[in-house]
Amino acid sequence: MLDNIKNTAIEQFNLLFKQNQDYNKTFKIIVPVGTGNKSDQLLILGIMNTRFKYDTCIAILNPSEELTRSLVPGHAYTGNLLQKIVKGKCDLMVDLLVKTFPKSWEVKVMRKYQARKP
């Protein structure tokens, strides 16, 4: 499941990255993602910095309405604070560091949170 969420987030990030002509861009989108027999919602938010090539992307599976409203793109949600923010308000969260080099990308999972097994 974690890989499915991570890959979906990176696919969406890649689409937005190709459209980004600015040095800094923030985004917040919700996309459907299939998990088994049901369709879930995946909230993806992050920051692109095309000049420095270090970007962040947070993917949250089935966020509560409160969580969806409260998270703002462009804010630095990091470390244990991010896990406290999402605790009990989603099924799964993955925080990614994306290094966008011209010929290849590196993606590193910085932290993850799983409330229950989706």
PDB file of N, CA and C in Angstrom:
ATOM      1  N   MET A   1       0.823  -1.197   0.000  1.00  0.00           N
ATOM      2  CA  MET A   1       0.000   0.000   0.000  1.00  0.00           C
ATOM      3  C   MET A   1       0.864   1.258   0.000  1.00  0.00           C
ATOM      4  N   LEU A   2       1.896   1.263   0.829  1.00  0.00           N
ATOM      5  CA  LEU A   2       2.775   2.428   0.911  1.00  0.00           C
ATOM      6  C   LEU A   2       3.382   2.745  -0.452  1.00  0.00           C
ATOM      7  N   ASP A   3       3.837   1.713  -1.162  1.00  0.00           N
ATOM      8  CA  ASP A   3       4.424   1.934  -2.487  1.00  0.00           C
ATOM      9  C   ASP A   3       3.406   2.495  -3.471  1.00  0.00           C
ATOM     10  N   ASN A   4       2.167   2.023  -3.403  1.00  0.00           N
ATOM     11  CA  ASN A   4       1.109   2.523  -4.276  1.00  0.00           C
ATOM     12  C   ASN A   4       0.868   4.015  -4.037  1.00  0.00           C
ATOM     13  N   ILE A   5       0.792   4.404  -2.774  1.00  0.00           N
ATOM     14  CA  ILE A   5       0.579   5.813  -2.418  1.00  0.00           C
ATOM     15  C   ILE A   5       1.778   6.654  -2.849  1.00  0.00           C
ATOM     16  N   LYS A   6       2.977   6.157  -2.568  1.00  0.00           N
ATOM     17  CA  LYS A   6       4.202   6.882  -2.940  1.00  0.00           C
ATOM     18  C   LYS A   6       4.276   7.063  -4.457  1.00  0.00           C
ATOM     19  N   ASN A   7       4.009   6.015  -5.211  1.00  0.00           N
ATOM     20  CA  ASN A   7       4.082   6.093  -6.676  1.00  0.00           C
ATOM     21  C   ASN A   7       3.025   7.035  -7.253  1.00  0.00           C
ATOM     22  N   THR A   8       1.824   6.994  -6.701  1.00  0.00           N
ATOM     23  CA  THR A   8       0.769   7.917  -7.158  1.00  0.00           C
ATOM     24  C   THR A   8       1.169   9.356  -6.886  1.00  0.00           C
ATOM     25  N   ALA A   9       1.709   9.616  -5.712  1.00  0.00           N
ATOM     26  CA  ALA A   9       2.150  10.975  -5.367  1.00  0.00           C
ATOM     27  C   ALA A   9       3.249  11.446  -6.310  1.00  0.00           C
ATOM     28  N   ILE A  10       4.212  10.577  -6.610  1.00  0.00           N
ATOM     29  CA  ILE A  10       5.308  10.959  -7.503  1.00  0.00           C
ATOM     30  C   ILE A  10       4.811  11.172  -8.930  1.00  0.00           C
ATOM     31  N   GLU A  11       3.859  10.372  -9.389  1.00  0.00           N
ATOM     32  CA  GLU A  11       3.278  10.575 -10.725  1.00  0.00           C
ATOM     33  C   GLU A  11       2.625  11.951 -10.818  1.00  0.00           C
ATOM     34  N   GLN A  12       1.836  12.303  -9.811  1.00  0.00           N
ATOM     35  CA  GLN A  12       1.179  13.613  -9.802  1.00  0.00           C
ATOM     36  C   GLN A  12       2.216  14.732  -9.686  1.00  0.00           C
ATOM     37  N   PHE A  13       3.213  14.531  -8.846  1.00  0.00           N
ATOM     38  CA  PHE A  13       4.290  15.503  -8.688  1.00  0.00           C
ATOM     39  C   PHE A  13       4.983  15.734 -10.032  1.00  0.00           C
ATOM     40  N   ASN A  14       5.249  14.650 -10.750  1.00  0.00           N
ATOM     41  CA  ASN A  14       5.917  14.730 -12.051  1.00  0.00           C
ATOM     42  C   ASN A  14       5.090  15.537 -13.046  1.00  0.00           C
ATOM     43  N   LEU A  15       3.778  15.304 -13.076  1.00  0.00           N
ATOM     44  CA  LEU A  15       2.906  16.066 -13.981  1.00  0.00           C
ATOM     45  C   LEU A  15       2.964  17.557 -13.664  1.00  0.00           C
ATOM     46  N   LEU A  16       2.892  17.891 -12.398  1.00  0.00           N
ATOM     47  CA  LEU A  16       2.955  19.295 -11.994  1.00  0.00           C
ATOM     48  C   LEU A  16       4.337  19.885 -12.245  1.00  0.00           C
ATOM     49  N   PHE A  17       5.371  19.102 -12.040  1.00  0.00           N
ATOM     50  CA  PHE A  17       6.749  19.555 -12.245  1.00  0.00           C
ATOM     51  C   PHE A  17       6.977  19.959 -13.702  1.00  0.00           C
ATOM     52  N   LYS A  18       6.434  19.163 -14.635  1.00  0.00           N
ATOM     53  CA  LYS A  18       6.594  19.467 -16.061  1.00  0.00           C
ATOM     54  C   LYS A  18       5.931  20.783 -16.441  1.00  0.00           C
ATOM     55  N   GLN A  19       4.884  21.164 -15.718  1.00  0.00           N
ATOM     56  CA  GLN A  19       4.163  22.412 -16.001  1.00  0.00           C
ATOM     57  C   GLN A  19       4.774  23.617 -15.279  1.00  0.00           C
ATOM     58  N   ASN A  20       5.673  23.377 -14.352  1.00  0.00           N
ATOM     59  CA  ASN A  20       6.210  24.430 -13.492  1.00  0.00           C
ATOM     60  C   ASN A  20       7.313  25.211 -14.201  1.00  0.00           C
ATOM     61  N   GLN A  21       7.080  26.480 -14.410  1.00  0.00           N
ATOM     62  CA  GLN A  21       8.092  27.346 -15.011  1.00  0.00           C
ATOM     63  C   GLN A  21       8.701  28.302 -13.983  1.00  0.00           C
ATOM     64  N   ASP A  22       8.148  28.298 -12.788  1.00  0.00           N
ATOM     65  CA  ASP A  22       8.639  29.172 -11.724  1.00  0.00           C
ATOM     66  C   ASP A  22       9.734  28.470 -10.936  1.00  0.00           C
ATOM     67  N   TYR A  23      10.465  29.260 -10.146  1.00  0.00           N
ATOM     68  CA  TYR A  23      11.461  28.655  -9.271  1.00  0.00           C
ATOM     69  C   TYR A  23      10.805  27.979  -8.081  1.00  0.00           C
ATOM     70  N   ASN A  24       9.732  28.549  -7.601  1.00  0.00           N
ATOM     71  CA  ASN A  24       9.031  27.986  -6.456  1.00  0.00           C
ATOM     72  C   ASN A  24       7.561  27.830  -6.786  1.00  0.00           C
ATOM     73  N   LYS A  25       7.026  26.683  -6.489  1.00  0.00           N
ATOM     74  CA  LYS A  25       5.611  26.445  -6.702  1.00  0.00           C
ATOM     75  C   LYS A  25       5.113  25.552  -5.580  1.00  0.00           C
ATOM     76  N   THR A  26       3.958  25.884  -5.067  1.00  0.00           N
ATOM     77  CA  THR A  26       3.325  25.032  -4.074  1.00  0.00           C
ATOM     78  C   THR A  26       2.076  24.427  -4.697  1.00  0.00           C
ATOM     79  N   PHE A  27       1.649  23.307  -4.177  1.00  0.00           N
ATOM     80  CA  PHE A  27       0.450  22.681  -4.720  1.00  0.00           C
ATOM     81  C   PHE A  27      -0.282  21.892  -3.646  1.00  0.00           C
ATOM     82  N   LYS A  28      -1.568  21.723  -3.873  1.00  0.00           N
ATOM     83  CA  LYS A  28      -2.428  20.924  -3.010  1.00  0.00           C
ATOM     84  C   LYS A  28      -3.522  20.360  -3.901  1.00  0.00           C
ATOM     85  N   ILE A  29      -3.533  19.046  -4.074  1.00  0.00           N
ATOM     86  CA  ILE A  29      -4.518  18.404  -4.939  1.00  0.00           C
ATOM     87  C   ILE A  29      -5.080  17.167  -4.244  1.00  0.00           C
ATOM     88  N   ILE A  30      -6.260  16.769  -4.677  1.00  0.00           N
ATOM     89  CA  ILE A  30      -6.864  15.526  -4.207  1.00  0.00           C
ATOM     90  C   ILE A  30      -7.144  14.670  -5.430  1.00  0.00           C
ATOM     91  N   VAL A  31      -6.662  13.439  -5.396  1.00  0.00           N
ATOM     92  CA  VAL A  31      -6.867  12.523  -6.517  1.00  0.00           C
ATOM     93  C   VAL A  31      -7.445  11.210  -5.980  1.00  0.00           C
ATOM     94  N   PRO A  32      -8.283  10.560  -6.798  1.00  0.00           N
ATOM     95  CA  PRO A  32      -8.768   9.239  -6.380  1.00  0.00           C
ATOM     96  C   PRO A  32      -7.669   8.206  -6.568  1.00  0.00           C
ATOM     97  N   VAL A  33      -7.616   7.249  -5.671  1.00  0.00           N
ATOM     98  CA  VAL A  33      -6.638   6.170  -5.780  1.00  0.00           C
ATOM     99  C   VAL A  33      -7.349   4.873  -5.403  1.00  0.00           C
ATOM    100  N   GLY A  34      -7.150   3.872  -6.222  1.00  0.00           N
ATOM    101  CA  GLY A  34      -7.810   2.591  -5.975  1.00  0.00           C
ATOM    102  C   GLY A  34      -7.045   1.744  -4.988  1.00  0.00           C
ATOM    103  N   THR A  35      -7.743   1.272  -3.982  1.00  0.00           N
ATOM    104  CA  THR A  35      -7.154   0.344  -3.019  1.00  0.00           C
ATOM    105  C   THR A  35      -8.153  -0.795  -2.840  1.00  0.00           C
ATOM    106  N   GLY A  36      -7.900  -1.886  -3.502  1.00  0.00           N
ATOM    107  CA  GLY A  36      -8.811  -3.025  -3.408  1.00  0.00           C
ATOM    108  C   GLY A  36     -10.089  -2.783  -4.174  1.00  0.00           C
ATOM    109  N   ASN A  37     -11.216  -2.992  -3.530  1.00  0.00           N
ATOM    110  CA  ASN A  37     -12.518  -2.857  -4.181  1.00  0.00           C
ATOM    111  C   ASN A  37     -13.122  -1.472  -4.042  1.00  0.00           C
ATOM    112  N   LYS A  38     -12.456  -0.575  -3.356  1.00  0.00           N
ATOM    113  CA  LYS A  38     -13.021   0.755  -3.161  1.00  0.00           C
ATOM    114  C   LYS A  38     -12.063   1.825  -3.682  1.00  0.00           C
ATOM    115  N   SER A  39     -12.606   3.001  -3.879  1.00  0.00           N
ATOM    116  CA  SER A  39     -11.795   4.129  -4.323  1.00  0.00           C
ATOM    117  C   SER A  39     -11.608   5.074  -3.145  1.00  0.00           C
ATOM    118  N   ASP A  40     -10.375   5.398  -2.847  1.00  0.00           N
ATOM    119  CA  ASP A  40     -10.046   6.281  -1.735  1.00  0.00           C
ATOM    120  C   ASP A  40      -9.565   7.623  -2.275  1.00  0.00           C
ATOM    121  N   GLN A  41      -9.457   8.584  -1.381  1.00  0.00           N
ATOM    122  CA  GLN A  41      -8.966   9.906  -1.738  1.00  0.00           C
ATOM    123  C   GLN A  41      -7.536  10.065  -1.256  1.00  0.00           C
ATOM    124  N   LEU A  42      -6.687  10.635  -2.106  1.00  0.00           N
ATOM    125  CA  LEU A  42      -5.301  10.889  -1.753  1.00  0.00           C
ATOM    126  C   LEU A  42      -5.050  12.388  -1.849  1.00  0.00           C
ATOM    127  N   LEU A  43      -4.765  12.997  -0.720  1.00  0.00           N
ATOM    128  CA  LEU A  43      -4.402  14.407  -0.662  1.00  0.00           C
ATOM    129  C   LEU A  43      -2.898  14.496  -0.850  1.00  0.00           C
ATOM    130  N   ILE A  44      -2.472  15.301  -1.823  1.00  0.00           N
ATOM    131  CA  ILE A  44      -1.046  15.472  -2.097  1.00  0.00           C
ATOM    132  C   ILE A  44      -0.737  16.959  -2.016  1.00  0.00           C
ATOM    133  N   LEU A  45       0.230  17.323  -1.199  1.00  0.00           N
ATOM    134  CA  LEU A  45       0.644  18.717  -1.155  1.00  0.00           C
ATOM    135  C   LEU A  45       2.162  18.779  -1.079  1.00  0.00           C
ATOM    136  N   GLY A  46       2.691  19.891  -1.543  1.00  0.00           N
ATOM    137  CA  GLY A  46       4.136  19.995  -1.529  1.00  0.00           C
ATOM    138  C   GLY A  46       4.673  21.300  -2.055  1.00  0.00           C
ATOM    139  N   ILE A  47       5.983  21.319  -2.162  1.00  0.00           N
ATOM    140  CA  ILE A  47       6.724  22.484  -2.616  1.00  0.00           C
ATOM    141  C   ILE A  47       7.716  22.027  -3.679  1.00  0.00           C
ATOM    142  N   MET A  48       7.731  22.733  -4.809  1.00  0.00           N
ATOM    143  CA  MET A  48       8.725  22.492  -5.856  1.00  0.00           C
ATOM    144  C   MET A  48       9.681  23.665  -5.893  1.00  0.00           C
ATOM    145  N   ASN A  49      10.941  23.368  -5.969  1.00  0.00           N
ATOM    146  CA  ASN A  49      11.948  24.402  -6.095  1.00  0.00           C
ATOM    147  C   ASN A  49      12.849  24.005  -7.257  1.00  0.00           C
ATOM    148  N   THR A  50      12.532  24.499  -8.443  1.00  0.00           N
ATOM    149  CA  THR A  50      13.258  24.072  -9.639  1.00  0.00           C
ATOM    150  C   THR A  50      14.692  24.587  -9.683  1.00  0.00           C
ATOM    151  N   ARG A  51      15.022  25.563  -8.895  1.00  0.00           N
ATOM    152  CA  ARG A  51      16.394  26.070  -8.886  1.00  0.00           C
ATOM    153  C   ARG A  51      17.314  25.185  -8.057  1.00  0.00           C
ATOM    154  N   PHE A  52      16.883  24.787  -6.870  1.00  0.00           N
ATOM    155  CA  PHE A  52      17.747  24.030  -5.963  1.00  0.00           C
ATOM    156  C   PHE A  52      17.551  22.525  -6.046  1.00  0.00           C
ATOM    157  N   LYS A  53      16.505  22.071  -6.739  1.00  0.00           N
ATOM    158  CA  LYS A  53      16.271  20.652  -7.013  1.00  0.00           C
ATOM    159  C   LYS A  53      15.956  19.803  -5.789  1.00  0.00           C
ATOM    160  N   TYR A  54      15.569  20.416  -4.690  1.00  0.00           N
ATOM    161  CA  TYR A  54      15.134  19.670  -3.514  1.00  0.00           C
ATOM    162  C   TYR A  54      13.687  20.056  -3.243  1.00  0.00           C
ATOM    163  N   ASP A  55      12.805  19.095  -3.384  1.00  0.00           N
ATOM    164  CA  ASP A  55      11.383  19.345  -3.278  1.00  0.00           C
ATOM    165  C   ASP A  55      10.786  18.434  -2.213  1.00  0.00           C
ATOM    166  N   THR A  56       9.609  18.808  -1.721  1.00  0.00           N
ATOM    167  CA  THR A  56       8.925  17.975  -0.752  1.00  0.00           C
ATOM    168  C   THR A  56       7.533  17.649  -1.251  1.00  0.00           C
ATOM    169  N   CYS A  57       7.056  16.503  -0.834  1.00  0.00           N
ATOM    170  CA  CYS A  57       5.740  16.040  -1.244  1.00  0.00           C
ATOM    171  C   CYS A  57       5.178  15.188  -0.104  1.00  0.00           C
ATOM    172  N   ILE A  58       3.980  15.525   0.337  1.00  0.00           N
ATOM    173  CA  ILE A  58       3.315  14.765   1.389  1.00  0.00           C
ATOM    174  C   ILE A  58       2.055  14.160   0.777  1.00  0.00           C
ATOM    175  N   ALA A  59       1.871  12.871   0.946  1.00  0.00           N
ATOM    176  CA  ALA A  59       0.686  12.177   0.448  1.00  0.00           C
ATOM    177  C   ALA A  59      -0.082  11.612   1.636  1.00  0.00           C
ATOM    178  N   ILE A  60      -1.388  11.897   1.676  1.00  0.00           N
ATOM    179  CA  ILE A  60      -2.214  11.491   2.809  1.00  0.00           C
ATOM    180  C   ILE A  60      -3.439  10.749   2.285  1.00  0.00           C
ATOM    181  N   LEU A  61      -3.572   9.505   2.695  1.00  0.00           N
ATOM    182  CA  LEU A  61      -4.681   8.662   2.248  1.00  0.00           C
ATOM    183  C   LEU A  61      -5.894   8.876   3.150  1.00  0.00           C
ATOM    184  N   ASN A  62      -7.021   9.190   2.528  1.00  0.00           N
ATOM    185  CA  ASN A  62      -8.300   9.395   3.216  1.00  0.00           C
ATOM    186  C   ASN A  62      -8.199  10.378   4.389  1.00  0.00           C
ATOM    187  N   PRO A  63      -7.783  11.613   4.099  1.00  0.00           N
ATOM    188  CA  PRO A  63      -7.702  12.600   5.184  1.00  0.00           C
ATOM    189  C   PRO A  63      -9.104  13.018   5.630  1.00  0.00           C
ATOM    190  N   SER A  64      -9.221  13.397   6.893  1.00  0.00           N
ATOM    191  CA  SER A  64     -10.488  13.945   7.372  1.00  0.00           C
ATOM    192  C   SER A  64     -10.708  15.307   6.711  1.00  0.00           C
ATOM    193  N   GLU A  65     -11.949  15.774   6.723  1.00  0.00           N
ATOM    194  CA  GLU A  65     -12.231  17.097   6.147  1.00  0.00           C
ATOM    195  C   GLU A  65     -11.465  18.177   6.893  1.00  0.00           C
ATOM    196  N   GLU A  66     -11.379  18.032   8.211  1.00  0.00           N
ATOM    197  CA  GLU A  66     -10.638  19.002   9.026  1.00  0.00           C
ATOM    198  C   GLU A  66      -9.170  19.053   8.615  1.00  0.00           C
ATOM    199  N   LEU A  67      -8.572  17.893   8.417  1.00  0.00           N
ATOM    200  CA  LEU A  67      -7.168  17.836   8.013  1.00  0.00           C
ATOM    201  C   LEU A  67      -6.974  18.438   6.631  1.00  0.00           C
ATOM    202  N   THR A  68      -7.865  18.112   5.708  1.00  0.00           N
ATOM    203  CA  THR A  68      -7.776  18.655   4.350  1.00  0.00           C
ATOM    204  C   THR A  68      -7.837  20.178   4.363  1.00  0.00           C
ATOM    205  N   ARG A  69      -8.728  20.740   5.165  1.00  0.00           N
ATOM    206  CA  ARG A  69      -8.857  22.198   5.253  1.00  0.00           C
ATOM    207  C   ARG A  69      -7.648  22.841   5.930  1.00  0.00           C
ATOM    208  N   SER A  70      -7.113  22.186   6.949  1.00  0.00           N
ATOM    209  CA  SER A  70      -6.078  22.825   7.766  1.00  0.00           C
ATOM    210  C   SER A  70      -4.688  22.823   7.135  1.00  0.00           C
ATOM    211  N   LEU A  71      -4.390  21.843   6.290  1.00  0.00           N
ATOM    212  CA  LEU A  71      -3.054  21.797   5.680  1.00  0.00           C
ATOM    213  C   LEU A  71      -2.953  22.798   4.541  1.00  0.00           C
ATOM    214  N   VAL A  72      -1.901  23.580   4.580  1.00  0.00           N
ATOM    215  CA  VAL A  72      -1.702  24.648   3.609  1.00  0.00           C
ATOM    216  C   VAL A  72      -0.451  24.358   2.799  1.00  0.00           C
ATOM    217  N   PRO A  73      -0.541  24.383   1.461  1.00  0.00           N
ATOM    218  CA  PRO A  73       0.673  24.150   0.668  1.00  0.00           C
ATOM    219  C   PRO A  73       1.682  25.273   0.898  1.00  0.00           C
ATOM    220  N   GLY A  74       2.940  24.907   0.932  1.00  0.00           N
ATOM    221  CA  GLY A  74       3.985  25.905   1.137  1.00  0.00           C
ATOM    222  C   GLY A  74       4.484  25.970   2.566  1.00  0.00           C
ATOM    223  N   HIS A  75       3.742  25.378   3.502  1.00  0.00           N
ATOM    224  CA  HIS A  75       4.205  25.339   4.886  1.00  0.00           C
ATOM    225  C   HIS A  75       5.154  24.157   5.059  1.00  0.00           C
ATOM    226  N   ALA A  76       6.092  24.296   5.936  1.00  0.00           N
ATOM    227  CA  ALA A  76       7.073  23.233   6.162  1.00  0.00           C
ATOM    228  C   ALA A  76       6.585  22.320   7.278  1.00  0.00           C
ATOM    229  N   TYR A  77       5.809  21.308   6.898  1.00  0.00           N
ATOM    230  CA  TYR A  77       5.350  20.305   7.856  1.00  0.00           C
ATOM    231  C   TYR A  77       6.414  19.219   7.906  1.00  0.00           C
ATOM    232  N   THR A  78       7.147  19.155   8.991  1.00  0.00           N
ATOM    233  CA  THR A  78       8.255  18.207   9.057  1.00  0.00           C
ATOM    234  C   THR A  78       8.277  17.480  10.388  1.00  0.00           C
ATOM    235  N   GLY A  79       9.063  16.432  10.417  1.00  0.00           N
ATOM    236  CA  GLY A  79       9.372  15.715  11.645  1.00  0.00           C
ATOM    237  C   GLY A  79       8.164  15.200  12.392  1.00  0.00           C
ATOM    238  N   ASN A  80       8.324  15.140  13.700  1.00  0.00           N
ATOM    239  CA  ASN A  80       7.271  14.623  14.560  1.00  0.00           C
ATOM    240  C   ASN A  80       6.035  15.503  14.547  1.00  0.00           C
ATOM    241  N   LEU A  81       6.198  16.786  14.256  1.00  0.00           N
ATOM    242  CA  LEU A  81       5.049  17.691  14.184  1.00  0.00           C
ATOM    243  C   LEU A  81       4.067  17.219  13.105  1.00  0.00           C
ATOM    244  N   LEU A  82       4.577  16.805  11.964  1.00  0.00           N
ATOM    245  CA  LEU A  82       3.713  16.314  10.889  1.00  0.00           C
ATOM    246  C   LEU A  82       2.937  15.086  11.354  1.00  0.00           C
ATOM    247  N   GLN A  83       3.599  14.178  12.040  1.00  0.00           N
ATOM    248  CA  GLN A  83       2.899  12.989  12.524  1.00  0.00           C
ATOM    249  C   GLN A  83       1.830  13.347  13.553  1.00  0.00           C
ATOM    250  N   LYS A  84       2.083  14.334  14.393  1.00  0.00           N
ATOM    251  CA  LYS A  84       1.078  14.779  15.361  1.00  0.00           C
ATOM    252  C   LYS A  84      -0.120  15.406  14.655  1.00  0.00           C
ATOM    253  N   ILE A  85       0.130  16.145  13.594  1.00  0.00           N
ATOM    254  CA  ILE A  85      -0.953  16.805  12.851  1.00  0.00           C
ATOM    255  C   ILE A  85      -1.892  15.780  12.222  1.00  0.00           C
ATOM    256  N   VAL A  86      -1.352  14.718  11.652  1.00  0.00           N
ATOM    257  CA  VAL A  86      -2.178  13.748  10.928  1.00  0.00           C
ATOM    258  C   VAL A  86      -2.706  12.609  11.813  1.00  0.00           C
ATOM    259  N   LYS A  87      -2.184  12.480  13.023  1.00  0.00           N
ATOM    260  CA  LYS A  87      -2.549  11.349  13.887  1.00  0.00           C
ATOM    261  C   LYS A  87      -4.060  11.253  14.084  1.00  0.00           C
ATOM    262  N   GLY A  88      -4.595  10.104  13.726  1.00  0.00           N
ATOM    263  CA  GLY A  88      -6.022   9.843  13.892  1.00  0.00           C
ATOM    264  C   GLY A  88      -6.919  10.529  12.879  1.00  0.00           C
ATOM    265  N   LYS A  89      -6.329  11.224  11.905  1.00  0.00           N
ATOM    266  CA  LYS A  89      -7.119  11.983  10.931  1.00  0.00           C
ATOM    267  C   LYS A  89      -6.953  11.472   9.509  1.00  0.00           C
ATOM    268  N   CYS A  90      -6.297  10.325   9.342  1.00  0.00           N
ATOM    269  CA  CYS A  90      -6.106   9.744   8.021  1.00  0.00           C
ATOM    270  C   CYS A  90      -5.779   8.267   8.181  1.00  0.00           C
ATOM    271  N   ASP A  91      -5.767   7.557   7.062  1.00  0.00           N
ATOM    272  CA  ASP A  91      -5.400   6.144   7.105  1.00  0.00           C
ATOM    273  C   ASP A  91      -3.885   5.963   7.028  1.00  0.00           C
ATOM    274  N   LEU A  92      -3.250   6.770   6.188  1.00  0.00           N
ATOM    275  CA  LEU A  92      -1.822   6.613   5.963  1.00  0.00           C
ATOM    276  C   LEU A  92      -1.250   7.941   5.465  1.00  0.00           C
ATOM    277  N   MET A  93      -0.029   8.248   5.851  1.00  0.00           N
ATOM    278  CA  MET A  93       0.658   9.450   5.387  1.00  0.00           C
ATOM    279  C   MET A  93       2.086   9.074   5.061  1.00  0.00           C
ATOM    280  N   VAL A  94       2.597   9.632   3.968  1.00  0.00           N
ATOM    281  CA  VAL A  94       4.009   9.455   3.633  1.00  0.00           C
ATOM    282  C   VAL A  94       4.579  10.823   3.248  1.00  0.00           C
ATOM    283  N   ASP A  95       5.724  11.148   3.822  1.00  0.00           N
ATOM    284  CA  ASP A  95       6.419  12.415   3.587  1.00  0.00           C
ATOM    285  C   ASP A  95       7.644  12.107   2.742  1.00  0.00           C
ATOM    286  N   LEU A  96       7.729  12.731   1.569  1.00  0.00           N
ATOM    287  CA  LEU A  96       8.793  12.416   0.617  1.00  0.00           C
ATOM    288  C   LEU A  96       9.707  13.608   0.376  1.00  0.00           C
ATOM    289  N   LEU A  97      10.990  13.337   0.249  1.00  0.00           N
ATOM    290  CA  LEU A  97      11.966  14.300  -0.242  1.00  0.00           C
ATOM    291  C   LEU A  97      12.269  13.881  -1.672  1.00  0.00           C
ATOM    292  N   VAL A  98      12.107  14.811  -2.607  1.00  0.00           N
ATOM    293  CA  VAL A  98      12.304  14.500  -4.023  1.00  0.00           C
ATOM    294  C   VAL A  98      13.450  15.360  -4.542  1.00  0.00           C
ATOM    295  N   LYS A  99      14.504  14.708  -5.010  1.00  0.00           N
ATOM    296  CA  LYS A  99      15.637  15.421  -5.621  1.00  0.00           C
ATOM    297  C   LYS A  99      15.456  15.304  -7.122  1.00  0.00           C
ATOM    298  N   THR A 100      15.177  16.419  -7.756  1.00  0.00           N
ATOM    299  CA  THR A 100      14.828  16.433  -9.182  1.00  0.00           C
ATOM    300  C   THR A 100      16.024  16.837 -10.035  1.00  0.00           C
ATOM    301  N   PHE A 101      16.861  15.879 -10.326  1.00  0.00           N
ATOM    302  CA  PHE A 101      18.016  16.121 -11.185  1.00  0.00           C
ATOM    303  C   PHE A 101      17.582  15.958 -12.641  1.00  0.00           C
ATOM    304  N   PRO A 102      18.259  16.612 -13.590  1.00  0.00           N
ATOM    305  CA  PRO A 102      17.831  16.556 -14.989  1.00  0.00           C
ATOM    306  C   PRO A 102      17.712  15.144 -15.570  1.00  0.00           C
ATOM    307  N   LYS A 103      18.630  14.256 -15.258  1.00  0.00           N
ATOM    308  CA  LYS A 103      18.601  12.933 -15.884  1.00  0.00           C
ATOM    309  C   LYS A 103      17.935  11.869 -15.028  1.00  0.00           C
ATOM    310  N   SER A 104      17.824  12.086 -13.729  1.00  0.00           N
ATOM    311  CA  SER A 104      17.173  11.107 -12.869  1.00  0.00           C
ATOM    312  C   SER A 104      16.671  11.784 -11.601  1.00  0.00           C
ATOM    313  N   TRP A 105      15.706  11.148 -10.985  1.00  0.00           N
ATOM    314  CA  TRP A 105      15.157  11.646  -9.728  1.00  0.00           C
ATOM    315  C   TRP A 105      15.493  10.681  -8.619  1.00  0.00           C
ATOM    316  N   GLU A 106      15.674  11.224  -7.433  1.00  0.00           N
ATOM    317  CA  GLU A 106      15.827  10.406  -6.236  1.00  0.00           C
ATOM    318  C   GLU A 106      14.659  10.734  -5.319  1.00  0.00           C
ATOM    319  N   VAL A 107      14.024   9.705  -4.801  1.00  0.00           N
ATOM    320  CA  VAL A 107      12.901   9.895  -3.888  1.00  0.00           C
ATOM    321  C   VAL A 107      13.234   9.176  -2.585  1.00  0.00           C
ATOM    322  N   LYS A 108      13.120   9.900  -1.485  1.00  0.00           N
ATOM    323  CA  LYS A 108      13.422   9.322  -0.178  1.00  0.00           C
ATOM    324  C   LYS A 108      12.216   9.509   0.733  1.00  0.00           C
ATOM    325  N   VAL A 109      11.799   8.433   1.379  1.00  0.00           N
ATOM    326  CA  VAL A 109      10.726   8.524   2.365  1.00  0.00           C
ATOM    327  C   VAL A 109      11.330   9.081   3.651  1.00  0.00           C
ATOM    328  N   MET A 110      10.878  10.258   4.046  1.00  0.00           N
ATOM    329  CA  MET A 110      11.402  10.904   5.244  1.00  0.00           C
ATOM    330  C   MET A 110      10.710  10.371   6.501  1.00  0.00           C
ATOM    331  N   ARG A 111       9.394  10.189   6.424  1.00  0.00           N
ATOM    332  CA  ARG A 111       8.642   9.635   7.538  1.00  0.00           C
ATOM    333  C   ARG A 111       7.318   9.117   7.021  1.00  0.00           C
ATOM    334  N   LYS A 112       6.724   8.237   7.800  1.00  0.00           N
ATOM    335  CA  LYS A 112       5.424   7.714   7.427  1.00  0.00           C
ATOM    336  C   LYS A 112       4.583   7.515   8.684  1.00  0.00           C
ATOM    337  N   TYR A 113       3.291   7.474   8.491  1.00  0.00           N
ATOM    338  CA  TYR A 113       2.356   7.279   9.596  1.00  0.00           C
ATOM    339  C   TYR A 113       1.249   6.395   9.072  1.00  0.00           C
ATOM    340  N   GLN A 114       0.863   5.391   9.832  1.00  0.00           N
ATOM    341  CA  GLN A 114      -0.241   4.535   9.441  1.00  0.00           C
ATOM    342  C   GLN A 114      -1.157   4.351  10.638  1.00  0.00           C
ATOM    343  N   ALA A 115      -2.405   4.834  10.494  1.00  0.00           N
ATOM    344  CA  ALA A 115      -3.365   4.738  11.587  1.00  0.00           C
ATOM    345  C   ALA A 115      -3.931   3.342  11.696  1.00  0.00           C
ATOM    346  N   ARG A 116      -4.210   2.761  10.546  1.00  0.00           N
ATOM    347  CA  ARG A 116      -4.751   1.401  10.503  1.00  0.00           C
ATOM    348  C   ARG A 116      -4.368   0.820   9.167  1.00  0.00           C
ATOM    349  N   LYS A 117      -4.498  -0.446   9.032  1.00  0.00           N
ATOM    350  CA  LYS A 117      -4.149  -1.092   7.779  1.00  0.00           C
ATOM    351  C   LYS A 117      -5.287  -0.880   6.785  1.00  0.00           C
ATOM    352  N   PRO A 118      -5.039  -0.116   5.697  1.00  0.00           N
ATOM    353  CA  PRO A 118      -6.107   0.126   4.728  1.00  0.00           C
ATOM    354  C   PRO A 118      -6.440  -1.125   3.930  1.00  0.00           C
TER     355      PRO A 118
END
